[in-house]
């Protein structure tokens, strides 16, 4: 682009473009549509280029920037409503350097973005997106809307994946009509994308036989909803009012990959949800409808809370590692240097309440790396040094300073074990010996550096299963799980020991008086 004249044009999605006259003419000839066009003067092209504006906000790159779809549900409940309910987010703008960018679609723009990059998806888009896995190599983390999506995608990538629920703008639902649910149900509603209405087909007969009138709300009367008693064209401004006129919604389960956003929409519109034939019959009774509404989970989906969840994940992804411990029961709890978990009370023994945090790091840590420290161990250096220590391994820890095998550890550990657990440890060692567990891989688990990934999550779960099956001394079960997964997981044994290593400070456990 050269010369003094240039054109500012806005494409069909409202995105600003600066074009030379030649480029503008070329795009017109190729059928490109513009909503607005302005001709402006500029001294030279170089002076048109401005330095990026820096922002501490999160830019949200919506799906409609690519597809042009004006009424995209995911853009609304995972983008626009998040932005509306938190001043930490804004619609993505060219020329702004954000704290992070959330992409709703795997697009080439990801590769051009230098900031922290998050891909947020709510469908199995990898099945029909060209070069999907090449594109996501560029992102720092992935967010999905369901555990099902996370499960399936985890099989295909080692990227850290988080699950974040859809966020609903509670003010939007204030247009609903009040329904006191004091009469037998007469009207039901289905709503959504017309092409997804086939899940309703098996229930059309049940609806009719029970004297219920069906209203369908969609963009067009696609089968089977073309047989509904009433069809209403989807309109974002009136849909809540239309939904709330019914006594309950019929929204059958449409696969494990779909989020429950339609269920939450129904609840926030003041009506309960039938998922199957039994529910349809049950919810005819007004008492059942009121009971379902009383236990509705909708309050958890406030966009303000969901926005905070996004911020937590982004902060952790940017910080790269979470350094944490767990202190439960009669131990000192005053530690401000790292994150401390202490709320768990599911187990009778405090040692197990703390152990679950230690072992199942993927349940409680949202950063790409986790660094567990026993309650009596502190860092003497920045966390980044430990991430560097880990390198390309999945887990790093120290070898045991005094013993080399679980069989030696068994003889010492059982002396300090409660009497009721000693038979369990004996059986554990007998089982491991019969399976052929080698003798030379005993580790000390006071420090655990982990790269949070699907393989580490599997390791954690298997380790926890051994602890629950036998007893809580995790140094007995860690070598066993490592041995079982040795061909699939890379574990690094660090040189030296935690008591003398320059990266750590070690002190004996202190009991409260």
Protein backbone atom coordinates (compact mmCIF):
# COMPACT_ATOMS: atom_id res chain seq x y z
CA UNK A 1 0.00 0.00 0.00
CA UNK A 2 1.69 3.17 -1.10
CA UNK A 3 0.74 6.75 -1.88
CA UNK A 4 -1.20 9.27 0.16
CA UNK A 5 -4.72 7.90 -0.28
CA UNK A 6 -6.13 4.87 1.45
CA UNK A 7 -9.55 3.46 2.26
CA UNK A 8 -11.06 2.49 5.63
CA UNK A 9 -13.62 -0.24 5.04
CA UNK A 10 -15.72 -2.29 7.41
CA UNK A 11 -16.48 -5.87 6.45
CA UNK A 12 -19.81 -7.61 7.03
CA UNK A 13 -18.78 -8.45 10.62
CA UNK A 14 -17.95 -4.86 11.51
CA UNK A 15 -14.18 -5.35 11.44
CA UNK A 16 -12.13 -2.33 10.34
CA UNK A 17 -9.75 -2.79 7.37
CA UNK A 18 -7.25 -0.30 5.94
CA UNK A 19 -6.84 -0.92 2.21
CA UNK A 20 -5.13 0.59 -0.77
CA UNK A 21 -7.39 1.46 -3.71
CA UNK A 22 -5.91 -1.50 -5.59
CA UNK A 23 -6.64 -3.96 -2.76
CA UNK A 24 -10.14 -2.56 -2.28
CA UNK A 25 -10.96 -2.93 -5.99
CA UNK A 26 -9.53 -6.45 -6.02
CA UNK A 27 -11.73 -7.53 -3.08
CA UNK A 28 -14.84 -6.00 -4.70
CA UNK A 29 -14.14 -7.92 -7.90
CA UNK A 30 -13.93 -11.13 -5.88
CA UNK A 31 -17.40 -10.50 -4.43
CA UNK A 32 -16.29 -9.24 -1.02
CA UNK A 33 -19.04 -7.25 0.78
CA UNK A 34 -18.45 -4.11 2.84
CA UNK A 35 -20.91 -2.45 5.22
CA UNK A 36 -19.17 0.97 5.29
CA UNK A 37 -16.42 2.56 3.22
CA UNK A 38 -14.53 5.81 3.86
CA UNK A 39 -11.72 7.45 1.87
CA UNK A 40 -9.12 9.23 3.97
CA UNK A 41 -5.87 11.10 3.51
CA UNK A 42 -2.58 10.03 5.06
CA UNK A 43 0.91 11.46 4.46
CA UNK A 44 2.56 8.06 3.92
CA UNK A 45 1.82 4.45 4.67
CA UNK A 46 4.47 4.34 7.39
CA UNK A 47 2.63 6.99 9.34
CA UNK A 48 -0.58 4.97 9.15
CA UNK A 49 1.00 2.14 11.15
CA UNK A 50 0.56 2.81 14.83
CA UNK A 51 2.24 1.08 17.74
CA UNK A 52 -0.03 -1.47 19.41
CA UNK A 53 -2.08 -0.13 22.30
CA UNK A 54 -1.38 -2.13 25.45
CA UNK A 55 -4.31 -3.32 27.55
CA UNK A 56 -4.59 -5.33 30.78
CA UNK A 57 -7.91 -6.74 29.54
CA UNK A 58 -8.71 -10.08 27.97
CA UNK A 59 -9.63 -9.87 24.28
CA UNK A 60 -12.42 -12.22 23.18
CA UNK A 61 -12.24 -13.29 19.53
CA UNK A 62 -15.80 -14.38 18.72
CA UNK A 63 -16.84 -17.07 16.29
CA UNK A 64 -18.92 -14.61 14.30
CA UNK A 65 -15.76 -12.70 13.35
CA UNK A 66 -15.09 -15.68 11.08
CA UNK A 67 -18.50 -17.16 10.27
CA UNK A 68 -20.63 -14.01 10.16
CA UNK A 69 -23.33 -15.76 12.21
CA UNK A 70 -25.22 -13.07 14.11
CA UNK A 71 -27.04 -15.27 16.63
CA UNK A 72 -24.34 -17.69 17.78
CA UNK A 73 -25.19 -19.15 21.20
CA UNK A 74 -21.56 -19.82 22.14
CA UNK A 75 -20.58 -16.23 21.32
CA UNK A 76 -23.32 -15.04 23.63
CA UNK A 77 -22.90 -17.33 26.67
CA UNK A 78 -19.11 -17.63 26.48
CA UNK A 79 -18.26 -14.21 25.12
CA UNK A 80 -20.72 -11.31 25.03
CA UNK A 81 -22.31 -12.04 28.41
CA UNK A 82 -18.91 -12.55 30.02
CA UNK A 83 -17.84 -9.16 28.65
CA UNK A 84 -21.06 -7.53 29.88
CA UNK A 85 -20.59 -8.86 33.41
CA UNK A 86 -16.87 -8.19 33.84
CA UNK A 87 -14.81 -5.14 32.95
CA UNK A 88 -11.76 -7.38 32.58
CA UNK A 89 -12.92 -8.54 29.12
CA UNK A 90 -13.68 -6.84 25.81
CA UNK A 91 -14.36 -7.77 22.19
CA UNK A 92 -11.09 -8.40 20.40
CA UNK A 93 -9.78 -5.41 18.44
CA UNK A 94 -6.94 -5.29 15.97
CA UNK A 95 -3.99 -3.22 17.12
CA UNK A 96 -4.41 -3.96 20.84
CA UNK A 97 -1.87 -5.97 22.83
CA UNK A 98 -3.98 -7.80 25.43
CA UNK A 99 -3.11 -9.56 28.64
CA UNK A 100 -4.51 -12.63 26.88
CA UNK A 101 -6.80 -13.50 23.98
CA UNK A 102 -9.59 -16.09 24.09
CA UNK A 103 -10.34 -17.53 20.65
CA UNK A 104 -13.75 -19.10 20.03
CA UNK A 105 -12.49 -20.71 16.85
CA UNK A 106 -9.20 -22.23 15.70
CA UNK A 107 -8.12 -19.60 13.17
CA UNK A 108 -4.86 -18.46 11.60
CA UNK A 109 -5.01 -15.30 13.74
CA UNK A 110 -3.80 -17.48 16.64
CA UNK A 111 -0.35 -17.78 15.09
CA UNK A 112 -0.13 -14.00 14.69
CA UNK A 113 -0.97 -13.30 18.33
CA UNK A 114 1.95 -12.88 20.73
CA UNK A 115 -0.11 -12.67 23.93
CA UNK A 116 -1.24 -15.61 26.06
CA UNK A 117 -3.63 -17.55 23.81
CA UNK A 118 -6.59 -19.64 24.96
CA UNK A 119 -8.84 -21.67 22.65
CA UNK A 120 -12.41 -21.94 24.01
CA UNK A 121 -14.61 -24.55 22.29
CA UNK A 122 -18.05 -25.99 22.96
CA UNK A 123 -18.30 -28.54 20.13
CA UNK A 124 -16.08 -31.23 18.61
CA UNK A 125 -14.77 -28.68 16.10
CA UNK A 126 -11.58 -30.65 15.47
CA UNK A 127 -13.62 -33.01 13.28
CA UNK A 128 -14.33 -30.38 10.61
CA UNK A 129 -11.64 -27.71 11.10
CA UNK A 130 -8.74 -27.98 8.63
CA UNK A 131 -5.31 -27.97 10.30
CA UNK A 132 -6.97 -27.88 13.73
CA UNK A 133 -4.11 -29.55 15.58
CA UNK A 134 -1.50 -27.48 13.78
CA UNK A 135 -3.35 -24.35 14.89
CA UNK A 136 -3.73 -25.40 18.53
CA UNK A 137 -0.01 -26.05 18.76
CA UNK A 138 0.14 -22.25 19.03
CA UNK A 139 -2.19 -21.92 22.05
CA UNK A 140 -1.16 -22.01 25.70
CA UNK A 141 -4.24 -23.87 26.91
CA UNK A 142 -7.69 -25.09 25.83
CA UNK A 143 -11.03 -24.54 27.55
CA UNK A 144 -14.06 -26.72 26.84
CA UNK A 145 -17.67 -26.44 27.98
CA UNK A 146 -18.08 -30.08 29.09
CA UNK A 147 -16.14 -32.95 30.62
CA UNK A 148 -17.09 -35.02 27.56
CA UNK A 149 -15.31 -32.63 25.22
CA UNK A 150 -12.29 -32.58 27.50
CA UNK A 151 -12.23 -36.39 27.60
CA UNK A 152 -12.35 -36.79 23.82
CA UNK A 153 -9.90 -33.99 23.07
CA UNK A 154 -7.45 -35.24 25.72
CA UNK A 155 -7.00 -38.38 23.62
CA UNK A 156 -5.76 -36.25 20.71
CA UNK A 157 -3.54 -33.60 22.31
CA UNK A 158 -1.28 -33.11 25.32
CA UNK A 159 -2.34 -29.50 25.73
CA UNK A 160 -3.67 -28.58 29.17
CA UNK A 161 -7.49 -28.62 29.00
CA UNK A 162 -9.87 -26.95 31.45
CA UNK A 163 -13.66 -27.13 31.75
CA UNK A 164 -15.61 -23.89 32.23
CA UNK A 165 -19.40 -23.77 32.41
CA UNK A 166 -21.45 -21.45 30.21
CA UNK A 167 -22.10 -18.00 31.69
CA UNK A 168 -25.62 -16.54 31.71
CA UNK A 169 -26.52 -12.88 32.07
CA UNK A 170 -29.17 -12.98 34.79
CA UNK A 171 -30.51 -9.54 33.84
CA UNK A 172 -31.41 -10.88 30.40
CA UNK A 173 -33.98 -13.22 31.96
CA UNK A 174 -35.93 -10.47 33.70
CA UNK A 175 -38.31 -10.39 30.70
CA UNK A 176 -39.76 -13.79 31.64
CA UNK A 177 -43.46 -14.12 32.45
CA UNK A 178 -44.21 -15.32 35.96
CA UNK A 179 -45.54 -18.88 36.26
CA UNK A 180 -46.64 -19.97 39.76
CA UNK A 181 -46.96 -23.63 38.66
CA UNK A 182 -50.20 -24.26 40.51
CA UNK A 183 -52.09 -26.10 37.72
CA UNK A 184 -51.57 -29.29 35.78
CA UNK A 185 -49.32 -28.72 32.82
CA UNK A 186 -50.98 -27.92 29.49
CA UNK A 187 -48.15 -26.47 27.39
CA UNK A 188 -44.55 -27.53 26.81
CA UNK A 189 -41.77 -25.96 24.78
CA UNK A 190 -38.71 -27.07 22.82
CA UNK A 191 -36.15 -24.51 21.64
CA UNK A 192 -32.80 -24.51 19.91
CA UNK A 193 -31.23 -24.97 16.47
CA UNK A 194 -33.84 -26.60 14.19
CA UNK A 195 -31.33 -29.16 12.89
CA UNK A 196 -30.91 -30.48 16.46
CA UNK A 197 -34.63 -31.09 16.97
CA UNK A 198 -34.42 -34.74 15.88
CA UNK A 199 -33.74 -35.62 19.53
CA UNK A 200 -37.37 -34.62 20.19
CA UNK A 201 -38.87 -37.14 17.72
CA UNK A 202 -39.11 -40.12 20.16
CA UNK A 203 -41.17 -38.01 22.57
CA UNK A 204 -43.70 -36.42 20.21
CA UNK A 205 -46.20 -39.22 20.83
CA UNK A 206 -45.86 -38.99 24.64
CA UNK A 207 -46.45 -35.25 24.48
CA UNK A 208 -49.59 -35.69 22.39
CA UNK A 209 -51.01 -38.63 24.38
CA UNK A 210 -50.78 -36.63 27.59
CA UNK A 211 -52.78 -33.75 26.14
CA UNK A 212 -49.83 -31.36 26.05
CA UNK A 213 -49.51 -28.61 23.45
CA UNK A 214 -46.01 -28.23 22.01
CA UNK A 215 -44.45 -24.89 21.07
CA UNK A 216 -41.23 -25.05 19.07
CA UNK A 217 -38.85 -22.08 18.95
CA UNK A 218 -36.16 -22.17 16.28
CA UNK A 219 -34.91 -20.39 13.18
CA UNK A 220 -37.17 -22.51 10.90
CA UNK A 221 -39.79 -25.34 11.21
CA UNK A 222 -37.43 -28.25 10.51
CA UNK A 223 -38.78 -31.83 11.06
CA UNK A 224 -39.94 -32.99 13.55
CA UNK A 225 -40.82 -29.58 15.00
CA UNK A 226 -42.85 -28.81 11.88
CA UNK A 227 -45.48 -31.00 13.60
CA UNK A 228 -45.57 -28.78 16.71
CA UNK A 229 -48.86 -27.14 17.71
CA UNK A 230 -47.18 -23.75 17.49
CA UNK A 231 -43.99 -22.55 15.85
CA UNK A 232 -42.23 -19.34 16.95
CA UNK A 233 -39.28 -17.96 15.06
CA UNK A 234 -36.25 -17.49 17.31
CA UNK A 235 -35.75 -13.88 18.36
CA UNK A 236 -33.22 -13.04 21.04
CA UNK A 237 -35.35 -10.15 22.29
CA UNK A 238 -38.49 -12.24 22.87
CA UNK A 239 -37.36 -15.84 23.33
CA UNK A 240 -37.27 -15.72 27.16
CA UNK A 241 -40.85 -14.46 27.26
CA UNK A 242 -41.94 -17.18 24.81
CA UNK A 243 -40.19 -19.94 26.78
CA UNK A 244 -41.67 -18.80 30.08
CA UNK A 245 -45.23 -19.15 28.71
CA UNK A 246 -44.88 -22.94 28.81
CA UNK A 247 -45.24 -25.11 31.91
CA UNK A 248 -42.00 -26.96 31.27
CA UNK A 249 -39.41 -27.52 28.56
CA UNK A 250 -38.79 -30.83 26.82
CA UNK A 251 -35.04 -30.93 26.12
CA UNK A 252 -33.87 -34.53 25.65
CA UNK A 253 -30.18 -35.32 26.14
CA UNK A 254 -28.39 -34.73 22.84
CA UNK A 255 -25.00 -36.35 23.45
CA UNK A 256 -22.37 -36.07 26.21
CA UNK A 257 -20.43 -33.39 24.34
CA UNK A 258 -23.19 -30.78 24.56
CA UNK A 259 -23.35 -28.36 27.46
CA UNK A 260 -26.48 -27.84 29.55
CA UNK A 261 -26.93 -24.22 28.44
CA UNK A 262 -30.49 -24.88 27.19
CA UNK A 263 -31.44 -26.44 30.52
CA UNK A 264 -30.11 -23.37 32.35
CA UNK A 265 -31.96 -21.09 29.91
CA UNK A 266 -35.21 -22.89 30.77
CA UNK A 267 -34.62 -22.73 34.53
CA UNK A 268 -33.74 -19.03 34.39
CA UNK A 269 -36.91 -18.49 32.32
CA UNK A 270 -38.87 -19.94 35.23
CA UNK A 271 -39.71 -23.46 33.99
CA UNK A 272 -38.24 -26.93 34.76
CA UNK A 273 -36.84 -29.37 32.22
CA UNK A 274 -37.98 -32.83 31.11
CA UNK A 275 -35.11 -34.96 29.77
CA UNK A 276 -37.05 -38.16 29.03
CA UNK A 277 -40.52 -39.71 28.89
CA UNK A 278 -40.66 -40.30 32.65
CA UNK A 279 -39.93 -36.61 33.27
CA UNK A 280 -42.62 -35.51 30.81
CA UNK A 281 -45.27 -37.46 32.71
CA UNK A 282 -43.94 -36.47 36.15
CA UNK A 283 -43.79 -32.72 35.42
CA UNK A 284 -47.46 -32.54 34.52
CA UNK A 285 -47.90 -32.38 38.31
CA UNK A 286 -47.34 -28.76 39.51
CA UNK A 287 -45.78 -29.97 42.79
CA UNK A 288 -43.09 -31.80 40.83
CA UNK A 289 -42.39 -28.71 38.75
CA UNK A 290 -41.98 -26.54 41.84
CA UNK A 291 -39.74 -29.16 43.42
CA UNK A 292 -37.47 -29.23 40.36
CA UNK A 293 -37.24 -25.44 40.29
CA UNK A 294 -36.35 -25.34 44.00
CA UNK A 295 -33.31 -27.56 43.37
CA UNK A 296 -32.32 -25.91 40.09
CA UNK A 297 -28.55 -25.54 39.61
CA UNK A 298 -29.02 -22.33 37.60
CA UNK A 299 -27.55 -20.02 40.27
CA UNK A 300 -24.09 -21.49 39.60
CA UNK A 301 -24.08 -20.19 36.02
CA UNK A 302 -24.04 -16.46 36.69
CA UNK A 303 -21.77 -14.88 34.06
CA UNK A 304 -20.04 -12.84 36.78
CA UNK A 305 -18.85 -16.03 38.49
CA UNK A 306 -17.90 -17.68 35.20
CA UNK A 307 -15.86 -14.60 34.25
CA UNK A 308 -13.87 -15.04 37.46
CA UNK A 309 -13.22 -18.66 36.53
CA UNK A 310 -11.80 -17.56 33.16
CA UNK A 311 -9.58 -15.01 34.94
CA UNK A 312 -8.31 -17.63 37.38
CA UNK A 313 -7.34 -19.93 34.54
CA UNK A 314 -5.67 -17.18 32.53
CA UNK A 315 -3.70 -15.95 35.54
CA UNK A 316 -2.51 -19.48 36.21
CA UNK A 317 -1.63 -20.13 32.57
CA UNK A 318 0.35 -16.88 32.51
CA UNK A 319 2.11 -17.70 35.76
CA UNK A 320 2.92 -21.13 34.32
CA UNK A 321 3.15 -22.96 37.67
CA UNK A 322 1.15 -23.23 40.88
CA UNK A 323 3.21 -23.89 44.01
CA UNK A 324 0.98 -25.42 46.66
CA UNK A 325 0.62 -27.59 49.73
CA UNK A 326 -2.18 -28.89 51.98
CA UNK A 327 -2.26 -28.66 55.75
CA UNK A 328 -5.16 -30.32 57.54
CA UNK A 329 -5.72 -31.05 61.21
CA UNK A 330 -3.36 -30.27 64.10
CA UNK A 331 -0.56 -28.64 62.11
CA UNK A 332 0.37 -24.99 61.74
CA UNK A 333 -1.64 -23.45 58.91
CA UNK A 334 0.09 -20.08 58.65
CA UNK A 335 1.79 -20.05 55.26
CA UNK A 336 1.53 -17.13 52.89
CA UNK A 337 4.38 -17.94 50.53
CA UNK A 338 2.41 -20.53 48.51
CA UNK A 339 -1.16 -21.65 47.97
CA UNK A 340 -2.48 -23.73 50.89
CA UNK A 341 -5.41 -26.13 50.66
CA UNK A 342 -7.08 -27.10 53.93
CA UNK A 343 -10.84 -27.35 53.32
CA UNK A 344 -11.19 -31.08 52.59
CA UNK A 345 -13.06 -32.99 55.33
CA UNK A 346 -14.31 -36.07 53.47
CA UNK A 347 -12.01 -38.47 55.32
CA UNK A 348 -11.83 -39.36 59.00
CA UNK A 349 -8.05 -39.04 59.04
CA UNK A 350 -6.52 -35.63 58.36
CA UNK A 351 -3.62 -37.23 56.53
CA UNK A 352 -6.04 -38.37 53.80
CA UNK A 353 -7.75 -34.97 53.66
CA UNK A 354 -4.36 -33.46 52.81
CA UNK A 355 -3.23 -36.36 50.63
CA UNK A 356 -6.01 -35.94 48.05
CA UNK A 357 -4.69 -32.46 47.19
CA UNK A 358 -1.15 -33.77 46.92
CA UNK A 359 -1.92 -36.70 44.65
CA UNK A 360 -4.76 -35.38 42.47
CA UNK A 361 -3.07 -32.14 41.40
CA UNK A 362 -5.15 -31.98 38.19
CA UNK A 363 -8.32 -31.55 40.28
CA UNK A 364 -7.13 -28.45 42.11
CA UNK A 365 -4.45 -26.80 39.96
CA UNK A 366 -5.29 -24.91 36.76
CA UNK A 367 -1.79 -23.89 35.62
CA UNK A 368 0.28 -25.87 33.07
CA UNK A 369 2.70 -26.91 35.84
CA UNK A 370 2.21 -27.77 39.50
CA UNK A 371 4.79 -27.85 42.28
CA UNK A 372 3.74 -29.71 45.40
CA UNK A 373 5.70 -29.02 48.59
CA UNK A 374 5.11 -30.87 51.85
CA UNK A 375 4.03 -28.45 54.59
CA UNK A 376 7.55 -28.25 56.03
CA UNK A 377 9.30 -27.41 52.72
CA UNK A 378 9.67 -23.93 51.19
CA UNK A 379 11.13 -22.58 47.95
CA UNK A 380 14.42 -20.70 48.08
CA UNK A 381 14.19 -19.63 44.41
CA UNK A 382 11.59 -18.52 41.89
CA UNK A 383 9.23 -21.25 40.67
CA UNK A 384 10.62 -20.91 37.13
CA UNK A 385 13.82 -22.65 38.23
CA UNK A 386 11.81 -25.75 39.11
CA UNK A 387 9.97 -25.74 35.80
CA UNK A 388 13.38 -25.63 34.12
CA UNK A 389 14.48 -28.57 36.29
CA UNK A 390 11.54 -30.59 34.98
CA UNK A 391 12.48 -29.92 31.35
CA UNK A 392 10.79 -32.34 28.95
CA UNK A 393 9.78 -34.78 31.70
CA UNK A 394 6.25 -35.29 33.03
CA UNK A 395 7.13 -35.55 36.74
CA UNK A 396 10.27 -34.77 38.73
CA UNK A 397 11.09 -35.67 42.35
CA UNK A 398 13.99 -36.71 44.57
CA UNK A 399 15.15 -40.23 45.25
CA UNK A 400 14.83 -41.41 48.84
CA UNK A 401 17.84 -40.22 50.89
CA UNK A 402 18.15 -43.39 53.01
CA UNK A 403 16.57 -46.36 51.21
CA UNK A 404 16.32 -47.67 47.64
CA UNK A 405 13.31 -50.01 47.53
CA UNK A 406 9.70 -50.19 48.70
CA UNK A 407 10.58 -53.39 50.56
CA UNK A 408 13.10 -51.51 52.71
CA UNK A 409 10.60 -48.65 53.10
CA UNK A 410 7.96 -51.12 54.24
CA UNK A 411 10.08 -52.29 57.19
CA UNK A 412 10.58 -48.71 58.41
CA UNK A 413 7.21 -47.16 57.54
CA UNK A 414 5.13 -49.88 59.18
CA UNK A 415 6.67 -48.97 62.56
CA UNK A 416 4.94 -45.56 62.41
CA UNK A 417 1.64 -46.79 60.94
CA UNK A 418 -1.56 -47.09 63.01
CA UNK A 419 -2.21 -50.69 64.03
CA UNK A 420 -5.38 -51.00 61.94
CA UNK A 421 -3.43 -50.09 58.75
CA UNK A 422 -0.48 -52.44 59.23
CA UNK A 423 -2.24 -55.49 57.73
CA UNK A 424 -3.10 -53.37 54.67
CA UNK A 425 0.52 -52.36 54.14
CA UNK A 426 1.62 -55.98 54.57
CA UNK A 427 -0.88 -57.08 51.94
CA UNK A 428 0.21 -54.21 49.66
CA UNK A 429 3.87 -55.31 49.77
CA UNK A 430 2.89 -58.94 49.27
CA UNK A 431 0.80 -58.00 46.20
CA UNK A 432 3.58 -55.82 44.73
CA UNK A 433 6.19 -58.53 45.29
CA UNK A 434 4.01 -61.17 43.63
CA UNK A 435 3.63 -58.90 40.59
CA UNK A 436 7.42 -58.50 40.34
CA UNK A 437 7.91 -54.84 41.40
CA UNK A 438 11.67 -54.09 41.15
CA UNK A 439 13.65 -53.01 44.19
CA UNK A 440 15.51 -49.94 42.99
CA UNK A 441 13.07 -47.09 42.38
CA UNK A 442 12.10 -45.70 45.79
CA UNK A 443 11.48 -41.92 45.74
CA UNK A 444 10.77 -39.24 48.31
CA UNK A 445 7.48 -37.51 47.54
CA UNK A 446 7.88 -34.32 49.59
CA UNK A 447 8.50 -32.36 46.37
CA UNK A 448 6.58 -33.12 43.18
CA UNK A 449 7.06 -31.08 40.01
CA UNK A 450 4.45 -31.98 37.41
CA UNK A 451 3.60 -30.93 33.88
CA UNK A 452 -0.19 -31.08 34.04
CA UNK A 453 -1.33 -33.21 31.09
CA UNK A 454 -3.60 -36.20 30.36
CA UNK A 455 -0.80 -38.70 31.06
CA UNK A 456 -0.05 -37.06 34.42
CA UNK A 457 -3.76 -37.04 35.22
CA UNK A 458 -3.86 -40.80 34.55
CA UNK A 459 -0.79 -41.32 36.75
CA UNK A 460 -2.39 -39.27 39.55
CA UNK A 461 -5.63 -41.24 39.38
CA UNK A 462 -3.85 -44.60 39.45
CA UNK A 463 -1.66 -43.47 42.34
CA UNK A 464 -4.73 -42.32 44.29
CA UNK A 465 -6.47 -45.64 43.59
CA UNK A 466 -3.53 -47.51 45.18
CA UNK A 467 -3.61 -45.25 48.23
CA UNK A 468 -7.34 -45.79 48.68
CA UNK A 469 -7.00 -49.53 48.15
CA UNK A 470 -4.24 -49.97 50.74
CA UNK A 471 -2.98 -47.14 52.96
CA UNK A 472 -1.80 -43.53 52.85
CA UNK A 473 2.01 -43.91 52.71
CA UNK A 474 2.37 -42.61 49.16
CA UNK A 475 6.08 -43.48 48.81
CA UNK A 476 5.08 -47.16 48.76
CA UNK A 477 2.56 -46.80 45.92
CA UNK A 478 4.38 -44.21 43.75
CA UNK A 479 7.09 -46.64 42.50
CA UNK A 480 4.43 -49.24 41.69
CA UNK A 481 2.42 -46.88 39.45
CA UNK A 482 5.63 -45.62 37.82
CA UNK A 483 6.63 -49.20 37.08
CA UNK A 484 3.21 -49.96 35.57
CA UNK A 485 3.35 -46.85 33.34
CA UNK A 486 7.09 -46.77 32.65
CA UNK A 487 6.68 -47.03 28.86
CA UNK A 488 4.29 -44.06 28.69
CA UNK A 489 5.41 -41.54 31.29
CA UNK A 490 8.74 -39.77 31.75
CA UNK A 491 9.79 -39.31 35.39
CA UNK A 492 12.97 -37.51 36.34
CA UNK A 493 14.84 -38.31 39.56
CA UNK A 494 16.53 -35.13 40.76
CA UNK A 495 20.10 -35.10 42.01
CA UNK A 496 20.71 -34.68 45.73
CA UNK A 497 17.91 -34.43 48.29
CA UNK A 498 15.50 -31.75 49.43
CA UNK A 499 17.26 -31.23 52.79
CA UNK A 500 20.42 -29.88 51.19
CA UNK A 501 19.31 -28.70 47.74
CA UNK A 502 19.90 -24.99 47.08
CA UNK A 503 16.39 -24.54 45.66
CA UNK A 504 14.61 -25.54 48.88
CA UNK A 505 14.37 -24.83 52.62
CA UNK A 506 13.54 -27.78 54.82
CA UNK A 507 12.39 -27.93 58.45
CA UNK A 508 10.83 -30.58 60.65
CA UNK A 509 7.01 -30.71 60.93
CA UNK A 510 5.67 -28.62 63.82
CA UNK A 511 2.64 -29.69 65.79
CA UNK A 512 0.44 -27.09 67.53
CA UNK A 513 0.64 -27.21 71.33
